[in-house]
C-alpha atoms as a PDB file:
ATOM      1  CA  MET A   1    -151.736-157.838  48.244  1.00  0.00           C
ATOM      2  CA  GLU A   2    -153.901-160.901  47.345  1.00  0.00           C
ATOM      3  CA  THR A   3    -156.718-159.273  48.987  1.00  0.00           C
ATOM      4  CA  GLU A   4    -156.462-156.136  46.825  1.00  0.00           C
ATOM      5  CA  LYS A   5    -156.260-158.412  43.556  1.00  0.00           C
ATOM      6  CA  ARG A   6    -159.434-160.348  44.605  1.00  0.00           C
ATOM      7  CA  ALA A   7    -161.399-157.154  45.601  1.00  0.00           C
ATOM      8  CA  CYS A   8    -164.954-156.590  44.330  1.00  0.00           C
ATOM      9  CA  SER A   9    -163.782-153.816  42.123  1.00  0.00           C
ATOM     10  CA  SER A  10    -161.711-156.509  39.890  1.00  0.00           C
ATOM     11  CA  CYS A  11    -164.569-159.249  39.957  1.00  0.00           C
ATOM     12  CA  LYS A  12    -166.652-160.185  37.136  1.00  0.00           C
ATOM     13  CA  TYR A  13    -169.804-160.196  39.153  1.00  0.00           C
ATOM     14  CA  PHE A  14    -169.360-156.588  40.583  1.00  0.00           C
ATOM     15  CA  ILE A  15    -171.740-154.091  38.958  1.00  0.00           C
ATOM     16  CA  GLN A  16    -170.411-150.620  39.632  1.00  0.00           C
ATOM     17  CA  HIS A  17    -172.847-147.851  40.800  1.00  0.00           C
ATOM     18  CA  TYR A  18    -172.575-144.183  39.434  1.00  0.00           C
ATOM     19  CA  ALA A  19    -173.682-140.981  40.606  1.00  0.00           C
ATOM     20  CA  LYS A  20    -174.409-137.718  38.803  1.00  0.00           C
ATOM     21  CA  ILE A  21    -172.082-135.135  40.394  1.00  0.00           C
ATOM     22  CA  GLY A  22    -172.498-131.717  38.919  1.00  0.00           C
ATOM     23  CA  LEU A  23    -172.560-132.181  35.097  1.00  0.00           C
ATOM     24  CA  LYS A  24    -170.593-135.459  35.156  1.00  0.00           C
ATOM     25  CA  ILE A  25    -171.467-139.152  35.829  1.00  0.00           C
ATOM     26  CA  ARG A  26    -168.786-140.770  38.166  1.00  0.00           C
ATOM     27  CA  ALA A  27    -168.150-144.110  39.666  1.00  0.00           C
ATOM     28  CA  VAL A  28    -168.981-144.229  43.439  1.00  0.00           C
ATOM     29  CA  ASN A  29    -167.316-146.673  45.753  1.00  0.00           C
ATOM     30  CA  CYS A  30    -169.894-149.036  45.871  1.00  0.00           C
ATOM     31  CA  GLY A  31    -171.966-151.320  43.758  1.00  0.00           C
ATOM     32  CA  PHE A  32    -173.540-154.778  43.859  1.00  0.00           C
ATOM     33  CA  CYS A  33    -172.630-158.600  43.443  1.00  0.00           C
ATOM     34  CA  ASN A  34    -174.367-159.787  40.469  1.00  0.00           C
ATOM     35  CA  THR A  35    -174.425-163.429  41.921  1.00  0.00           C
ATOM     36  CA  HIS A  36    -177.483-165.158  43.408  1.00  0.00           C
ATOM     37  CA  SER A  37    -176.940-163.128  46.628  1.00  0.00           C
ATOM     38  CA  ASN A  38    -177.227-159.625  44.899  1.00  0.00           C
ATOM     39  CA  LYS A  39    -175.836-157.987  48.013  1.00  0.00           C
ATOM     40  CA  LYS A  40    -174.559-154.411  48.205  1.00  0.00           C
ATOM     41  CA  LYS A  41    -170.853-154.346  48.023  1.00  0.00           C
ATOM     42  CA  GLN A  42    -168.182-151.841  48.834  1.00  0.00           C
ATOM     43  CA  LYS A  43    -165.509-151.709  45.871  1.00  0.00           C
ATOM     44  CA  PHE A  44    -162.861-153.304  48.090  1.00  0.00           C
ATOM     45  CA  ASP A  45    -164.882-156.035  49.613  1.00  0.00           C
ATOM     46  CA  VAL A  46    -163.843-159.501  49.022  1.00  0.00           C
ATOM     47  CA  CYS A  47    -166.038-162.625  48.981  1.00  0.00           C
ATOM     48  CA  SER A  48    -166.267-166.322  47.905  1.00  0.00           C
ATOM     49  CA  TYR A  49    -167.850-165.578  44.561  1.00  0.00           C
ATOM     50  CA  TRP A  50    -164.848-163.611  43.284  1.00  0.00           C
ATOM     51  CA  GLU A  51    -163.977-164.465  39.691  1.00  0.00           C
ATOM     52  CA  ASP A  52    -161.367-162.348  37.561  1.00  0.00           C
ATOM     53  CA  ALA A  53    -163.156-159.822  35.503  1.00  0.00           C
ATOM     54  CA  ALA A  54    -160.129-159.615  33.099  1.00  0.00           C
ATOM     55  CA  VAL A  55    -161.286-163.260  31.816  1.00  0.00           C
ATOM     56  CA  GLN A  56    -164.806-161.858  31.217  1.00  0.00           C
ATOM     57  CA  LYS A  57    -163.353-158.769  29.609  1.00  0.00           C
ATOM     58  CA  GLU A  58    -161.395-160.992  27.061  1.00  0.00           C
ATOM     59  CA  GLU A  59    -164.385-163.298  26.438  1.00  0.00           C
ATOM     60  CA  ARG A  60    -166.484-160.018  25.751  1.00  0.00           C
ATOM     61  CA  LYS A  61    -163.695-158.775  23.308  1.00  0.00           C
ATOM     62  CA  LYS A  62    -163.625-162.082  21.466  1.00  0.00           C
ATOM     63  CA  SER A  63    -167.572-162.037  21.156  1.00  0.00           C
ATOM     64  CA  VAL A  64    -167.622-158.403  20.049  1.00  0.00           C
ATOM     65  CA  LYS A  65    -165.062-159.071  17.290  1.00  0.00           C
ATOM     66  CA  GLU A  66    -166.925-162.112  16.136  1.00  0.00           C
ATOM     67  CA  THR A  67    -170.062-160.142  15.957  1.00  0.00           C
ATOM     68  CA  LEU A  68    -168.434-157.267  14.033  1.00  0.00           C
ATOM     69  CA  GLU A  69    -166.982-159.767  11.514  1.00  0.00           C
ATOM     70  CA  LEU A  70    -170.580-160.958  10.954  1.00  0.00           C
ATOM     71  CA  ILE A  71    -171.866-157.569  10.548  1.00  0.00           C
ATOM     72  CA  SER A  72    -169.259-156.774   8.042  1.00  0.00           C
ATOM     73  CA  GLU A  73    -170.054-159.790   6.088  1.00  0.00           C
ATOM     74  CA  ARG A  74    -173.842-159.009   6.098  1.00  0.00           C
ATOM     75  CA  LEU A  75    -172.969-155.383   4.986  1.00  0.00           C
ATOM     76  CA  ASN A  76    -170.866-156.600   2.098  1.00  0.00           C
ATOM     77  CA  ASP A  77    -173.852-158.829   1.157  1.00  0.00           C
ATOM     78  CA  ILE A  78    -176.174-155.844   1.106  1.00  0.00           C
ATOM     79  CA  ALA A  79    -173.752-153.724  -0.942  1.00  0.00           C
ATOM     80  CA  MET A  80    -173.419-156.373  -3.476  1.00  0.00           C
ATOM     81  CA  ILE A  81    -177.329-156.718  -3.627  1.00  0.00           C
ATOM     82  CA  LEU A  82    -177.684-152.784  -3.848  1.00  0.00           C
ATOM     83  CA  ASN A  83    -175.008-152.755  -6.596  1.00  0.00           C
ATOM     84  CA  ASP A  84    -176.770-155.461  -8.473  1.00  0.00           C
ATOM     85  CA  ASP A  85    -180.114-153.567  -8.128  1.00  0.00           C
ATOM     86  CA  LYS A  86    -178.524-150.407  -9.415  1.00  0.00           C
ATOM     87  CA  GLU A  87    -176.870-152.035 -12.488  1.00  0.00           C
ATOM     88  CA  GLY A  88    -179.991-154.237 -13.410  1.00  0.00           C
END
């Protein structure tokens, strides 16, 4: 079971390959390892570079949330400027 948890498909370095099948884009059972090795990997391979993708996903969510908050602040600033220009 540990091997399944540490498979490439759950690794933060695994970049999934996709293929167009009919009119849809679908994940295929391979990709590549985005470490310095850049080796082609099967989805269920396991290697010494494995790191939990869930950690990266949480970090990405936090970063997106912070970025959206900054964008919201800037949009509010722009709206105030536009309202001032409209009134003035």
